[in-house]
Amino acid sequence: MAKCERCGKQTTFGHSRSFSQRATNRPFHPNLQKVTLFENGRKVKVVLCARCIRTLSKTK
């Protein structure tokens, strides 16, 4: 399943609303990216959401 490895954000579900206000199910996908990070001196590939990537770049 698509999931952020840092915060656990994953697909949620809601409704699409047509002009007649008929509700049909639809998924809301997080903006997940594959990123290479350095952990303990090693390159590690992780899947992170855009917000976590942004937060990591701010703290470093």
C-alpha atoms as a PDB file:
ATOM      1  CA  MET A   1       0.000   0.000   0.000  1.00  0.00           C
ATOM      2  CA  ALA A   2       1.194   3.533  -0.727  1.00  0.00           C
ATOM      3  CA  LYS A   3       2.232   5.025   2.609  1.00  0.00           C
ATOM      4  CA  CYS A   4       4.702   7.643   3.867  1.00  0.00           C
ATOM      5  CA  GLU A   5       7.428   5.895   5.860  1.00  0.00           C
ATOM      6  CA  ARG A   6       7.881   8.859   8.213  1.00  0.00           C
ATOM      7  CA  CYS A   7       4.378  10.103   9.116  1.00  0.00           C
ATOM      8  CA  GLY A   8       2.219   7.196   7.911  1.00  0.00           C
ATOM      9  CA  LYS A   9       0.076   9.307   5.574  1.00  0.00           C
ATOM     10  CA  GLN A  10      -1.868   7.093   3.162  1.00  0.00           C
ATOM     11  CA  THR A  11      -4.837   7.092   0.795  1.00  0.00           C
ATOM     12  CA  THR A  12      -8.110   8.353   2.289  1.00  0.00           C
ATOM     13  CA  PHE A  13     -11.562   8.197   0.758  1.00  0.00           C
ATOM     14  CA  GLY A  14     -14.297  10.730   0.216  1.00  0.00           C
ATOM     15  CA  HIS A  15     -16.942  11.684  -2.331  1.00  0.00           C
ATOM     16  CA  SER A  16     -16.965  13.326  -5.739  1.00  0.00           C
ATOM     17  CA  ARG A  17     -19.977  15.612  -6.072  1.00  0.00           C
ATOM     18  CA  SER A  18     -21.611  16.120  -9.459  1.00  0.00           C
ATOM     19  CA  PHE A  19     -23.730  19.131 -10.411  1.00  0.00           C
ATOM     20  CA  SER A  20     -26.814  17.228  -9.201  1.00  0.00           C
ATOM     21  CA  GLN A  21     -24.991  16.601  -5.867  1.00  0.00           C
ATOM     22  CA  ARG A  22     -24.854  12.843  -6.458  1.00  0.00           C
ATOM     23  CA  ALA A  23     -22.043  11.389  -4.308  1.00  0.00           C
ATOM     24  CA  THR A  24     -19.658   8.829  -5.811  1.00  0.00           C
ATOM     25  CA  ASN A  25     -16.681   7.412  -3.976  1.00  0.00           C
ATOM     26  CA  ARG A  26     -13.182   8.628  -4.831  1.00  0.00           C
ATOM     27  CA  PRO A  27      -9.696   8.291  -3.314  1.00  0.00           C
ATOM     28  CA  PHE A  28      -7.495  11.123  -2.105  1.00  0.00           C
ATOM     29  CA  HIS A  29      -3.864  10.078  -2.696  1.00  0.00           C
ATOM     30  CA  PRO A  30      -0.949  11.662  -0.796  1.00  0.00           C
ATOM     31  CA  ASN A  31       1.894  13.192  -2.828  1.00  0.00           C
ATOM     32  CA  LEU A  32       4.446  10.394  -2.321  1.00  0.00           C
ATOM     33  CA  GLN A  33       7.984  10.585  -3.708  1.00  0.00           C
ATOM     34  CA  LYS A  34      10.925   8.159  -3.702  1.00  0.00           C
ATOM     35  CA  VAL A  35      13.861   9.929  -2.043  1.00  0.00           C
ATOM     36  CA  THR A  36      17.440   8.911  -1.292  1.00  0.00           C
ATOM     37  CA  LEU A  37      18.586   9.897   2.218  1.00  0.00           C
ATOM     38  CA  PHE A  38      21.789   9.413   4.183  1.00  0.00           C
ATOM     39  CA  GLU A  39      21.157   7.478   7.408  1.00  0.00           C
ATOM     40  CA  ASN A  40      24.146   6.436   9.532  1.00  0.00           C
ATOM     41  CA  GLY A  41      26.479   7.171   6.622  1.00  0.00           C
ATOM     42  CA  ARG A  42      24.577   4.967   4.169  1.00  0.00           C
ATOM     43  CA  LYS A  43      22.307   5.806   1.245  1.00  0.00           C
ATOM     44  CA  VAL A  44      18.741   4.662   1.913  1.00  0.00           C
ATOM     45  CA  LYS A  45      15.810   4.908  -0.498  1.00  0.00           C
ATOM     46  CA  VAL A  46      12.547   5.778   1.248  1.00  0.00           C
ATOM     47  CA  VAL A  47       9.043   6.776   0.202  1.00  0.00           C
ATOM     48  CA  LEU A  48       8.057  10.099   1.769  1.00  0.00           C
ATOM     49  CA  CYS A  49       5.211  12.547   1.303  1.00  0.00           C
ATOM     50  CA  ALA A  50       6.020  16.032   0.013  1.00  0.00           C
ATOM     51  CA  ARG A  51       5.464  17.613   3.430  1.00  0.00           C
ATOM     52  CA  CYS A  52       7.969  15.286   5.119  1.00  0.00           C
ATOM     53  CA  ILE A  53      10.551  15.976   2.396  1.00  0.00           C
ATOM     54  CA  ARG A  54      10.040  19.711   2.917  1.00  0.00           C
ATOM     55  CA  THR A  55      10.342  19.385   6.701  1.00  0.00           C
ATOM     56  CA  LEU A  56      13.544  17.308   6.428  1.00  0.00           C
ATOM     57  CA  SER A  57      15.170  19.887   4.173  1.00  0.00           C
ATOM     58  CA  LYS A  58      14.282  22.644   6.656  1.00  0.00           C
ATOM     59  CA  THR A  59      15.829  20.833   9.645  1.00  0.00           C
ATOM     60  CA  LYS A  60      19.135  19.990   7.906  1.00  0.00           C
END
